[in-house]
Structure formats: C-alpha cells, structure tokens
Amino acid sequence: MSYQPLLQNLVTTCVADGRISINVARRIIAESETPAVLWLPIAGAPQNGQRLMLWDSVSKRPVFGSWRGENPAITHYAAEPAGPAAA
C-alpha cells in the first residue's frame, strides 16, 4: 500500500491551515519519495566483483566498491543506487 496520497493530503491540509509553509511541504513530499536504503550485514555481501554501497563504521559514511572480505571497518552493504534518469 502506498501512503503517498495520504501524505500529500495531510501536507496540503497543513499548508491550507497555515501550520507549515509551502517550502516545508515541498521538502516533506520530496523526502517521502526518496527510497530508503536497505542495509544488510556484510557477512552476506557478494564477493564476485559487483559494485556495492558499503558502510564504513569508522568514518560513519558509505563508500562504493566491491567487497572482498578484507576490511573489518565495513559492517554493512546495500545495492549501489541508480543515478539520475537521463534528461
């Protein structure tokens, strides 16, 4: 079930009532359309050269590359996100 129509209705109502600004409403809608990253434990990561998004627990940020089981700072992985659609 998609909650997008309900969220848009709620945001529209809050703007109409003056509870939030139009800029805040736009940000809420934009952030709700961004898919969440599904982080998985690194133990299950493919080691076949596939590019992944890897979580570096030391720097607390994602890094990109393939997993070969070499770095103990890497704790989780996710699919590499797709880039923007071609214009």
N, C-alpha and C. Protein backbone atom coordinates (compact mmCIF):
# COMPACT_ATOMS: atom_id res chain seq x y z
N MET A 1 0.84 -1.19 0.00
CA MET A 1 0.00 0.00 0.00
C MET A 1 0.88 1.25 0.00
N SER A 2 0.54 2.19 -0.84
CA SER A 2 1.27 3.44 -0.89
C SER A 2 0.60 4.48 0.00
N TYR A 3 1.40 5.09 0.84
CA TYR A 3 0.87 6.14 1.72
C TYR A 3 1.05 7.53 1.10
N GLN A 4 1.59 7.60 -0.10
CA GLN A 4 1.86 8.87 -0.74
C GLN A 4 0.61 9.76 -0.87
N PRO A 5 -0.53 9.25 -1.34
CA PRO A 5 -1.72 10.12 -1.42
C PRO A 5 -2.16 10.65 -0.06
N LEU A 6 -2.09 9.81 0.97
CA LEU A 6 -2.46 10.26 2.31
C LEU A 6 -1.51 11.34 2.82
N LEU A 7 -0.22 11.15 2.57
CA LEU A 7 0.76 12.14 2.99
C LEU A 7 0.54 13.46 2.25
N GLN A 8 0.31 13.39 0.97
CA GLN A 8 0.09 14.62 0.21
C GLN A 8 -1.16 15.35 0.70
N ASN A 9 -2.22 14.61 1.01
CA ASN A 9 -3.44 15.22 1.53
C ASN A 9 -3.18 15.90 2.88
N LEU A 10 -2.44 15.21 3.75
CA LEU A 10 -2.12 15.79 5.06
C LEU A 10 -1.29 17.05 4.91
N VAL A 11 -0.27 17.01 4.05
CA VAL A 11 0.59 18.17 3.84
C VAL A 11 -0.22 19.33 3.27
N THR A 12 -1.08 19.05 2.30
CA THR A 12 -1.93 20.09 1.70
C THR A 12 -2.82 20.74 2.75
N THR A 13 -3.39 19.93 3.62
CA THR A 13 -4.25 20.45 4.69
C THR A 13 -3.45 21.33 5.65
N CYS A 14 -2.25 20.89 6.00
CA CYS A 14 -1.42 21.67 6.93
C CYS A 14 -0.98 23.00 6.32
N VAL A 15 -0.73 23.03 5.01
CA VAL A 15 -0.40 24.29 4.35
C VAL A 15 -1.62 25.20 4.34
N ALA A 16 -2.78 24.65 4.02
CA ALA A 16 -4.02 25.45 3.97
C ALA A 16 -4.35 26.04 5.33
N ASP A 17 -4.09 25.29 6.39
CA ASP A 17 -4.36 25.75 7.76
C ASP A 17 -3.28 26.69 8.29
N GLY A 18 -2.20 26.82 7.55
CA GLY A 18 -1.10 27.68 8.00
C GLY A 18 -0.18 27.03 9.02
N ARG A 19 -0.30 25.71 9.19
CA ARG A 19 0.55 25.03 10.17
C ARG A 19 1.98 24.82 9.67
N ILE A 20 2.16 24.72 8.36
CA ILE A 20 3.50 24.62 7.78
C ILE A 20 3.56 25.48 6.53
N SER A 21 4.77 25.85 6.15
CA SER A 21 4.95 26.66 4.94
C SER A 21 4.98 25.77 3.71
N ILE A 22 4.82 26.39 2.57
CA ILE A 22 4.85 25.65 1.31
C ILE A 22 6.23 25.02 1.09
N ASN A 23 7.29 25.71 1.53
CA ASN A 23 8.64 25.16 1.37
C ASN A 23 8.83 23.90 2.22
N VAL A 24 8.32 23.92 3.43
CA VAL A 24 8.39 22.73 4.28
C VAL A 24 7.57 21.60 3.65
N ALA A 25 6.42 21.93 3.12
CA ALA A 25 5.57 20.92 2.47
C ALA A 25 6.30 20.28 1.30
N ARG A 26 6.95 21.09 0.49
CA ARG A 26 7.70 20.55 -0.66
C ARG A 26 8.81 19.62 -0.22
N ARG A 27 9.51 19.99 0.87
CA ARG A 27 10.60 19.16 1.37
C ARG A 27 10.06 17.83 1.91
N ILE A 28 8.94 17.86 2.62
CA ILE A 28 8.33 16.62 3.14
C ILE A 28 7.98 15.69 1.99
N ILE A 29 7.36 16.22 0.96
CA ILE A 29 6.96 15.39 -0.18
C ILE A 29 8.19 14.84 -0.88
N ALA A 30 9.21 15.67 -1.11
CA ALA A 30 10.42 15.21 -1.81
C ALA A 30 11.12 14.11 -1.01
N GLU A 31 11.23 14.28 0.30
CA GLU A 31 11.91 13.28 1.12
C GLU A 31 11.11 11.98 1.20
N SER A 32 9.79 12.08 1.12
CA SER A 32 8.98 10.87 1.19
C SER A 32 9.09 10.05 -0.10
N GLU A 33 9.51 10.67 -1.19
CA GLU A 33 9.64 9.97 -2.46
C GLU A 33 11.01 9.32 -2.64
N THR A 34 11.94 9.61 -1.72
CA THR A 34 13.27 9.03 -1.78
C THR A 34 13.23 7.66 -1.12
N PRO A 35 13.56 6.61 -1.85
CA PRO A 35 13.51 5.29 -1.23
C PRO A 35 14.56 5.13 -0.15
N ALA A 36 14.22 4.41 0.90
CA ALA A 36 15.16 4.14 1.98
C ALA A 36 16.18 3.11 1.51
N VAL A 37 17.37 3.20 2.06
CA VAL A 37 18.42 2.24 1.74
C VAL A 37 18.22 1.01 2.62
N LEU A 38 18.30 -0.16 2.02
CA LEU A 38 18.20 -1.40 2.75
C LEU A 38 19.61 -1.90 3.05
N TRP A 39 20.11 -1.61 4.26
CA TRP A 39 21.43 -2.05 4.68
C TRP A 39 21.35 -3.48 5.18
N LEU A 40 22.26 -4.32 4.72
CA LEU A 40 22.32 -5.73 5.11
C LEU A 40 23.68 -6.02 5.74
N PRO A 41 23.74 -7.01 6.65
CA PRO A 41 25.03 -7.36 7.26
C PRO A 41 26.06 -7.77 6.21
N ILE A 42 27.29 -7.35 6.41
CA ILE A 42 28.34 -7.58 5.41
C ILE A 42 28.62 -9.06 5.19
N ALA A 43 28.30 -9.90 6.15
CA ALA A 43 28.55 -11.34 6.01
C ALA A 43 27.84 -11.92 4.78
N GLY A 44 26.75 -11.32 4.35
CA GLY A 44 26.01 -11.83 3.20
C GLY A 44 26.34 -11.14 1.89
N ALA A 45 27.33 -10.26 1.89
CA ALA A 45 27.66 -9.49 0.68
C ALA A 45 28.27 -10.37 -0.40
N PRO A 46 27.90 -10.15 -1.66
CA PRO A 46 28.52 -10.91 -2.75
C PRO A 46 30.00 -10.53 -2.87
N GLN A 47 30.82 -11.51 -3.19
CA GLN A 47 32.26 -11.27 -3.37
C GLN A 47 32.67 -11.59 -4.80
N ASN A 48 31.80 -11.22 -5.74
CA ASN A 48 32.03 -11.55 -7.15
C ASN A 48 32.43 -10.33 -7.98
N GLY A 49 32.84 -9.24 -7.32
CA GLY A 49 33.24 -8.03 -8.03
C GLY A 49 32.11 -7.05 -8.28
N GLN A 50 30.89 -7.40 -7.87
CA GLN A 50 29.75 -6.49 -8.05
C GLN A 50 29.96 -5.22 -7.24
N ARG A 51 29.68 -4.06 -7.84
CA ARG A 51 29.81 -2.79 -7.11
C ARG A 51 28.67 -2.67 -6.11
N LEU A 52 29.04 -2.24 -4.91
CA LEU A 52 28.09 -2.11 -3.81
C LEU A 52 28.30 -0.78 -3.11
N MET A 53 27.33 -0.41 -2.30
CA MET A 53 27.49 0.68 -1.36
C MET A 53 27.82 0.01 -0.03
N LEU A 54 28.96 0.35 0.54
CA LEU A 54 29.46 -0.29 1.75
C LEU A 54 29.47 0.71 2.89
N TRP A 55 29.08 0.27 4.09
CA TRP A 55 29.07 1.18 5.25
C TRP A 55 30.38 1.05 6.00
N ASP A 56 31.11 2.18 6.09
CA ASP A 56 32.37 2.25 6.82
C ASP A 56 32.06 2.70 8.25
N SER A 57 32.20 1.80 9.21
CA SER A 57 31.83 2.12 10.60
C SER A 57 32.82 3.07 11.27
N VAL A 58 33.99 3.26 10.70
CA VAL A 58 34.96 4.18 11.27
C VAL A 58 34.64 5.61 10.85
N SER A 59 34.46 5.83 9.55
CA SER A 59 34.17 7.18 9.06
C SER A 59 32.70 7.53 9.14
N LYS A 60 31.85 6.52 9.41
CA LYS A 60 30.39 6.71 9.52
C LYS A 60 29.79 7.26 8.24
N ARG A 61 30.21 6.68 7.12
CA ARG A 61 29.68 7.11 5.83
C ARG A 61 29.75 5.96 4.84
N PRO A 62 28.96 6.04 3.78
CA PRO A 62 29.03 4.99 2.76
C PRO A 62 30.23 5.20 1.85
N VAL A 63 30.77 4.09 1.40
CA VAL A 63 31.82 4.09 0.37
C VAL A 63 31.35 3.14 -0.73
N PHE A 64 31.92 3.28 -1.90
CA PHE A 64 31.48 2.48 -3.03
C PHE A 64 32.62 1.62 -3.54
N GLY A 65 32.29 0.38 -3.85
CA GLY A 65 33.28 -0.54 -4.38
C GLY A 65 32.76 -1.96 -4.30
N SER A 66 33.64 -2.91 -4.55
CA SER A 66 33.26 -4.32 -4.44
C SER A 66 33.79 -4.85 -3.11
N TRP A 67 33.17 -5.88 -2.58
CA TRP A 67 33.54 -6.44 -1.29
C TRP A 67 34.38 -7.70 -1.51
N ARG A 68 35.52 -7.73 -0.83
CA ARG A 68 36.40 -8.90 -0.91
C ARG A 68 36.68 -9.48 0.47
N GLY A 69 35.98 -8.99 1.49
CA GLY A 69 36.13 -9.52 2.84
C GLY A 69 37.39 -9.10 3.56
N GLU A 70 37.95 -7.95 3.16
CA GLU A 70 39.26 -7.55 3.68
C GLU A 70 39.24 -6.48 4.77
N ASN A 71 38.20 -5.72 4.91
CA ASN A 71 38.22 -4.54 5.77
C ASN A 71 37.26 -4.71 6.95
N PRO A 72 37.77 -4.85 8.17
CA PRO A 72 36.89 -5.05 9.32
C PRO A 72 36.04 -3.81 9.66
N ALA A 73 36.38 -2.65 9.11
CA ALA A 73 35.59 -1.44 9.36
C ALA A 73 34.28 -1.46 8.59
N ILE A 74 34.19 -2.27 7.55
CA ILE A 74 32.98 -2.36 6.74
C ILE A 74 32.02 -3.33 7.43
N THR A 75 30.85 -2.84 7.82
CA THR A 75 29.92 -3.67 8.60
C THR A 75 28.64 -4.03 7.86
N HIS A 76 28.26 -3.24 6.85
CA HIS A 76 27.01 -3.47 6.13
C HIS A 76 27.19 -3.14 4.66
N TYR A 77 26.28 -3.63 3.85
CA TYR A 77 26.29 -3.31 2.42
C TYR A 77 24.86 -3.08 1.94
N ALA A 78 24.76 -2.41 0.79
CA ALA A 78 23.48 -2.18 0.12
C ALA A 78 23.76 -2.13 -1.38
N ALA A 79 22.71 -2.26 -2.16
CA ALA A 79 22.86 -2.12 -3.60
C ALA A 79 23.33 -0.71 -3.92
N GLU A 80 24.18 -0.60 -4.93
CA GLU A 80 24.61 0.73 -5.35
C GLU A 80 23.40 1.45 -5.94
N PRO A 81 23.12 2.68 -5.48
CA PRO A 81 21.93 3.37 -6.00
C PRO A 81 22.09 3.73 -7.47
N ALA A 82 20.98 3.78 -8.16
CA ALA A 82 20.97 4.20 -9.55
C ALA A 82 21.19 5.71 -9.63
N GLY A 83 21.81 6.15 -10.67
CA GLY A 83 22.00 7.58 -10.88
C GLY A 83 20.70 8.22 -11.38
N PRO A 84 20.72 9.51 -11.59
CA PRO A 84 19.53 10.19 -12.08
C PRO A 84 19.17 9.73 -13.49
N ALA A 85 17.91 9.81 -13.81
CA ALA A 85 17.46 9.45 -15.15
C ALA A 85 18.05 10.42 -16.16
N ALA A 86 18.33 9.94 -17.34
CA ALA A 86 18.87 10.80 -18.41
C ALA A 86 17.81 11.82 -18.82
N ALA A 87 18.25 13.03 -19.04
CA ALA A 87 17.31 14.10 -19.42
C ALA A 87 17.00 14.04 -20.88
